[in-house]
C-alpha atoms as a PDB file:
ATOM      1  CA  MET A   1     -23.641  26.831  -9.770  1.00  0.00           C
ATOM      2  CA  LYS A   2     -23.927  23.117  -8.980  1.00  0.00           C
ATOM      3  CA  THR A   3     -22.805  21.778  -5.618  1.00  0.00           C
ATOM      4  CA  LEU A   4     -19.775  19.510  -5.302  1.00  0.00           C
ATOM      5  CA  ALA A   5     -22.066  16.544  -4.657  1.00  0.00           C
ATOM      6  CA  GLU A   6     -24.112  17.274  -7.794  1.00  0.00           C
ATOM      7  CA  ARG A   7     -21.001  17.641  -9.945  1.00  0.00           C
ATOM      8  CA  PHE A   8     -19.454  14.535  -8.407  1.00  0.00           C
ATOM      9  CA  TRP A   9     -22.406  12.121  -8.724  1.00  0.00           C
ATOM     10  CA  PHE A  10     -23.113  13.298 -12.277  1.00  0.00           C
ATOM     11  CA  ARG A  11     -19.810  11.631 -13.252  1.00  0.00           C
ATOM     12  CA  VAL A  12     -20.345   8.271 -11.506  1.00  0.00           C
ATOM     13  CA  ASN A  13     -21.541   5.097 -13.242  1.00  0.00           C
ATOM     14  CA  LYS A  14     -23.072   2.818 -10.596  1.00  0.00           C
ATOM     15  CA  SER A  15     -23.154  -0.148 -12.996  1.00  0.00           C
ATOM     16  CA  GLY A  16     -19.419  -0.838 -13.031  1.00  0.00           C
ATOM     17  CA  PRO A  17     -17.683  -4.213 -12.963  1.00  0.00           C
ATOM     18  CA  VAL A  18     -17.958  -6.617 -10.043  1.00  0.00           C
ATOM     19  CA  PRO A  19     -14.505  -7.409  -8.607  1.00  0.00           C
ATOM     20  CA  GLU A  20     -13.583 -10.981  -9.567  1.00  0.00           C
ATOM     21  CA  HIS A  21     -11.601 -11.558  -6.360  1.00  0.00           C
ATOM     22  CA  LYS A  22     -14.461 -10.263  -4.154  1.00  0.00           C
ATOM     23  CA  PRO A  23     -17.821 -10.577  -5.927  1.00  0.00           C
ATOM     24  CA  GLU A  24     -19.616 -10.119  -2.592  1.00  0.00           C
ATOM     25  CA  LEU A  25     -18.694  -6.418  -2.774  1.00  0.00           C
ATOM     26  CA  GLY A  26     -21.094  -5.873  -5.657  1.00  0.00           C
ATOM     27  CA  PRO A  27     -20.457  -3.586  -8.626  1.00  0.00           C
ATOM     28  CA  CYS A  28     -17.931  -0.790  -8.536  1.00  0.00           C
ATOM     29  CA  TRP A  29     -19.164   2.768  -8.934  1.00  0.00           C
ATOM     30  CA  VAL A  30     -16.847   3.994 -11.651  1.00  0.00           C
ATOM     31  CA  TRP A  31     -15.693   7.575 -12.074  1.00  0.00           C
ATOM     32  CA  THR A  32     -16.432   8.700 -15.651  1.00  0.00           C
ATOM     33  CA  GLY A  33     -14.836  12.148 -15.446  1.00  0.00           C
ATOM     34  CA  THR A  34     -11.190  13.086 -15.921  1.00  0.00           C
ATOM     35  CA  LEU A  35      -8.715  10.259 -15.337  1.00  0.00           C
ATOM     36  CA  HIS A  36      -5.102  10.457 -14.234  1.00  0.00           C
ATOM     37  CA  ARG A  37      -2.816   7.690 -15.501  1.00  0.00           C
ATOM     38  CA  THR A  38       0.752   6.950 -14.513  1.00  0.00           C
ATOM     39  CA  LYS A  39       3.173   4.668 -16.294  1.00  0.00           C
ATOM     40  CA  HIS A  40       3.576   2.547 -13.141  1.00  0.00           C
ATOM     41  CA  GLU A  41      -0.069   1.704 -12.522  1.00  0.00           C
ATOM     42  CA  LYS A  42      -2.382  -0.574 -14.446  1.00  0.00           C
ATOM     43  CA  GLY A  43      -5.489   1.548 -14.038  1.00  0.00           C
ATOM     44  CA  ALA A  44      -6.322   5.220 -13.905  1.00  0.00           C
ATOM     45  CA  ARG A  45      -7.576   7.269 -11.002  1.00  0.00           C
ATOM     46  CA  GLY A  46     -10.363   9.802 -11.262  1.00  0.00           C
ATOM     47  CA  ARG A  47      -9.485  13.451 -10.664  1.00  0.00           C
ATOM     48  CA  LEU A  48     -11.552  16.576 -10.157  1.00  0.00           C
ATOM     49  CA  ARG A  49     -11.353  20.052  -8.701  1.00  0.00           C
ATOM     50  CA  PRO A  50     -13.650  20.182  -5.682  1.00  0.00           C
ATOM     51  CA  SER A  51     -13.736  23.979  -5.949  1.00  0.00           C
ATOM     52  CA  GLY A  52     -15.062  23.790  -9.496  1.00  0.00           C
ATOM     53  CA  GLY A  53     -13.904  25.848 -12.450  1.00  0.00           C
ATOM     54  CA  ARG A  54     -10.490  25.657 -14.079  1.00  0.00           C
ATOM     55  CA  LYS A  55      -8.450  26.695 -11.052  1.00  0.00           C
ATOM     56  CA  GLY A  56      -7.858  25.038  -7.725  1.00  0.00           C
ATOM     57  CA  LYS A  57      -6.234  21.899  -6.428  1.00  0.00           C
ATOM     58  CA  ARG A  58      -7.221  18.616  -8.048  1.00  0.00           C
ATOM     59  CA  GLU A  59      -8.233  15.785  -5.774  1.00  0.00           C
ATOM     60  CA  PHE A  60      -8.609  12.081  -6.468  1.00  0.00           C
ATOM     61  CA  ALA A  61     -12.263  11.157  -6.979  1.00  0.00           C
ATOM     62  CA  TYR A  62     -12.213   8.433  -4.325  1.00  0.00           C
ATOM     63  CA  ARG A  63     -10.940  10.973  -1.771  1.00  0.00           C
ATOM     64  CA  VAL A  64     -13.803  13.295  -2.729  1.00  0.00           C
ATOM     65  CA  ALA A  65     -16.218  10.374  -2.255  1.00  0.00           C
ATOM     66  CA  TRP A  66     -14.768   9.942   1.246  1.00  0.00           C
ATOM     67  CA  PHE A  67     -15.176  13.673   1.901  1.00  0.00           C
ATOM     68  CA  LEU A  68     -18.802  13.647   0.729  1.00  0.00           C
ATOM     69  CA  GLU A  69     -19.583  10.681   2.994  1.00  0.00           C
ATOM     70  CA  HIS A  70     -17.647  11.743   6.105  1.00  0.00           C
ATOM     71  CA  GLY A  71     -17.412  15.542   5.840  1.00  0.00           C
ATOM     72  CA  ALA A  72     -13.608  15.705   5.911  1.00  0.00           C
ATOM     73  CA  TYR A  73     -10.655  14.580   3.879  1.00  0.00           C
ATOM     74  CA  PRO A  74      -8.781  11.789   5.657  1.00  0.00           C
ATOM     75  CA  GLU A  75      -5.191  12.123   6.807  1.00  0.00           C
ATOM     76  CA  LEU A  76      -4.579   8.485   5.853  1.00  0.00           C
ATOM     77  CA  LEU A  77      -4.660   6.989   2.372  1.00  0.00           C
ATOM     78  CA  VAL A  78      -7.971   5.910   0.876  1.00  0.00           C
ATOM     79  CA  LEU A  79      -7.530   2.299  -0.271  1.00  0.00           C
ATOM     80  CA  HIS A  80      -9.728   0.070  -2.440  1.00  0.00           C
ATOM     81  CA  ARG A  81     -11.114  -3.323  -1.390  1.00  0.00           C
ATOM     82  CA  CYS A  82     -12.069  -3.816  -5.043  1.00  0.00           C
ATOM     83  CA  ASP A  83      -8.597  -2.901  -6.400  1.00  0.00           C
ATOM     84  CA  ASN A  84     -10.250  -0.643  -8.976  1.00  0.00           C
ATOM     85  CA  PRO A  85      -8.643   2.822  -8.787  1.00  0.00           C
ATOM     86  CA  GLU A  86     -11.581   4.341 -10.713  1.00  0.00           C
ATOM     87  CA  CYS A  87     -14.082   3.118  -8.096  1.00  0.00           C
ATOM     88  CA  VAL A  88     -15.687   5.673  -5.751  1.00  0.00           C
ATOM     89  CA  ARG A  89     -18.179   3.381  -3.992  1.00  0.00           C
ATOM     90  CA  ILE A  90     -17.763   4.201  -0.306  1.00  0.00           C
ATOM     91  CA  ASP A  91     -18.152   0.626   0.959  1.00  0.00           C
ATOM     92  CA  HIS A  92     -15.351  -0.427  -1.414  1.00  0.00           C
ATOM     93  CA  LEU A  93     -13.029   2.103   0.259  1.00  0.00           C
ATOM     94  CA  PHE A  94     -11.106   1.972   3.530  1.00  0.00           C
ATOM     95  CA  LEU A  95      -8.392   4.000   5.209  1.00  0.00           C
ATOM     96  CA  GLY A  96      -4.829   2.855   5.723  1.00  0.00           C
ATOM     97  CA  THR A  97      -1.174   3.757   5.773  1.00  0.00           C
ATOM     98  CA  HIS A  98       1.329   3.255   2.971  1.00  0.00           C
ATOM     99  CA  GLN A  99       2.419   0.074   4.767  1.00  0.00           C
ATOM    100  CA  ASP A 100      -1.213  -1.145   4.859  1.00  0.00           C
ATOM    101  CA  ASN A 101      -1.433  -0.496   1.119  1.00  0.00           C
ATOM    102  CA  MET A 102       1.778  -2.446   0.429  1.00  0.00           C
ATOM    103  CA  ARG A 103       0.562  -5.341   2.603  1.00  0.00           C
ATOM    104  CA  ASP A 104      -2.821  -5.361   0.831  1.00  0.00           C
ATOM    105  CA  MET A 105      -1.054  -5.296  -2.539  1.00  0.00           C
ATOM    106  CA  ALA A 106       1.174  -8.233  -1.574  1.00  0.00           C
ATOM    107  CA  GLN A 107      -1.708 -10.296  -0.172  1.00  0.00           C
ATOM    108  CA  LYS A 108      -3.700  -9.810  -3.370  1.00  0.00           C
ATOM    109  CA  ARG A 109      -0.626 -10.439  -5.540  1.00  0.00           C
ATOM    110  CA  ARG A 110      -0.929  -7.078  -7.296  1.00  0.00           C
ATOM    111  CA  ALA A 111       2.835  -6.600  -7.246  1.00  0.00           C
ATOM    112  CA  ALA A 112       5.735  -8.562  -8.620  1.00  0.00           C
ATOM    113  CA  PHE A 113       7.832 -10.229  -5.937  1.00  0.00           C
ATOM    114  CA  GLY A 114      10.721 -12.625  -5.965  1.00  0.00           C
ATOM    115  CA  GLU A 115      11.827 -13.784  -9.384  1.00  0.00           C
ATOM    116  CA  ASP A 116       8.764 -12.132 -10.947  1.00  0.00           C
ATOM    117  CA  SER A 117      10.204  -8.740 -10.036  1.00  0.00           C
ATOM    118  CA  GLY A 118      12.247  -6.899 -12.623  1.00  0.00           C
ATOM    119  CA  ASN A 119      14.904  -6.357  -9.941  1.00  0.00           C
ATOM    120  CA  ALA A 120      15.347 -10.030  -9.013  1.00  0.00           C
ATOM    121  CA  LYS A 121      18.842 -11.468  -9.266  1.00  0.00           C
ATOM    122  CA  LEU A 122      17.931 -15.010  -8.235  1.00  0.00           C
ATOM    123  CA  THR A 123      15.240 -17.522  -9.112  1.00  0.00           C
ATOM    124  CA  ARG A 124      13.373 -19.540  -6.487  1.00  0.00           C
ATOM    125  CA  GLN A 125      15.483 -22.518  -7.483  1.00  0.00           C
ATOM    126  CA  GLN A 126      18.740 -20.626  -6.897  1.00  0.00           C
ATOM    127  CA  VAL A 127      17.573 -19.458  -3.466  1.00  0.00           C
ATOM    128  CA  ALA A 128      16.720 -23.076  -2.593  1.00  0.00           C
ATOM    129  CA  GLU A 129      20.200 -24.162  -3.763  1.00  0.00           C
ATOM    130  CA  ILE A 130      21.888 -21.512  -1.601  1.00  0.00           C
ATOM    131  CA  ARG A 131      19.850 -22.566   1.429  1.00  0.00           C
ATOM    132  CA  ALA A 132      20.794 -26.200   0.793  1.00  0.00           C
ATOM    133  CA  ILE A 133      24.509 -25.291   0.656  1.00  0.00           C
ATOM    134  CA  GLY A 134      24.230 -23.565   4.031  1.00  0.00           C
ATOM    135  CA  ASP A 135      27.605 -23.259   5.763  1.00  0.00           C
ATOM    136  CA  ARG A 136      29.260 -26.094   3.818  1.00  0.00           C
ATOM    137  CA  GLU A 137      30.973 -23.652   1.438  1.00  0.00           C
ATOM    138  CA  PRO A 138      32.549 -20.241   2.067  1.00  0.00           C
ATOM    139  CA  ARG A 139      30.022 -17.436   1.588  1.00  0.00           C
ATOM    140  CA  ASN A 140      32.284 -15.489  -0.759  1.00  0.00           C
ATOM    141  CA  LYS A 141      32.529 -18.487  -3.130  1.00  0.00           C
ATOM    142  CA  VAL A 142      28.740 -18.952  -3.141  1.00  0.00           C
ATOM    143  CA  ALA A 143      28.256 -15.211  -3.616  1.00  0.00           C
ATOM    144  CA  GLU A 144      30.653 -15.152  -6.568  1.00  0.00           C
ATOM    145  CA  ARG A 145      28.938 -18.134  -8.201  1.00  0.00           C
ATOM    146  CA  TYR A 146      25.503 -16.475  -8.024  1.00  0.00           C
ATOM    147  CA  GLY A 147      26.599 -12.863  -8.617  1.00  0.00           C
ATOM    148  CA  ILE A 148      25.424 -11.557  -5.247  1.00  0.00           C
ATOM    149  CA  SER A 149      27.088 -10.313  -2.057  1.00  0.00           C
ATOM    150  CA  GLY A 150      28.255 -12.451   0.832  1.00  0.00           C
ATOM    151  CA  ARG A 151      25.792 -10.580   3.071  1.00  0.00           C
ATOM    152  CA  HIS A 152      22.997 -11.552   0.706  1.00  0.00           C
ATOM    153  CA  VAL A 153      24.069 -15.218   0.892  1.00  0.00           C
ATOM    154  CA  LEU A 154      24.054 -15.046   4.692  1.00  0.00           C
ATOM    155  CA  GLY A 155      20.599 -13.444   4.680  1.00  0.00           C
ATOM    156  CA  ILE A 156      19.249 -16.222   2.453  1.00  0.00           C
ATOM    157  CA  ILE A 157      20.753 -18.940   4.648  1.00  0.00           C
ATOM    158  CA  ARG A 158      19.346 -17.325   7.797  1.00  0.00           C
ATOM    159  CA  GLY A 159      15.921 -16.909   6.184  1.00  0.00           C
ATOM    160  CA  GLU A 160      16.008 -13.108   6.434  1.00  0.00           C
ATOM    161  CA  TRP A 161      14.758 -12.785   2.868  1.00  0.00           C
ATOM    162  CA  ARG A 162      11.450 -14.379   2.087  1.00  0.00           C
ATOM    163  CA  LEU A 163      10.195 -15.566  -1.237  1.00  0.00           C
ATOM    164  CA  HIS A 164       6.746 -14.273  -2.125  1.00  0.00           C
ATOM    165  CA  GLY A 165       4.998 -16.756  -4.291  1.00  0.00           C
END
């Protein structure tokens, strides 16, 4: 029976794409085995059973790459500098928390924020208008006009909500 490393590297293409936002990273090493897609993500993530066979827990390929390099599965998340979820190249990977992942996603503009979000109630222009009104009008009147709460109006005026973009 083949070792985990043999089975793993057999399914890796080391001639993957070079990340446009960070060409200095070099080409991604792309997992060519089983992929797991979700409706919320753009790409797919490689999956395999480290134990082999048809039974056993499936693990994400980039976590197995981390295991093969470091000898243990990390307690933190394995994140991608290249933003390619199929990539298993160890120098494209780093550890972080969920908050680190969200921050990285925001910095690289991989998520919709502000009026680009499907949940947005206000445009950038409307937020600017509310800030310009300030305390010159009662909050409840401003809130009614824009279809938001008075607390939301106050938060915008105070700068508690930031626009991303």
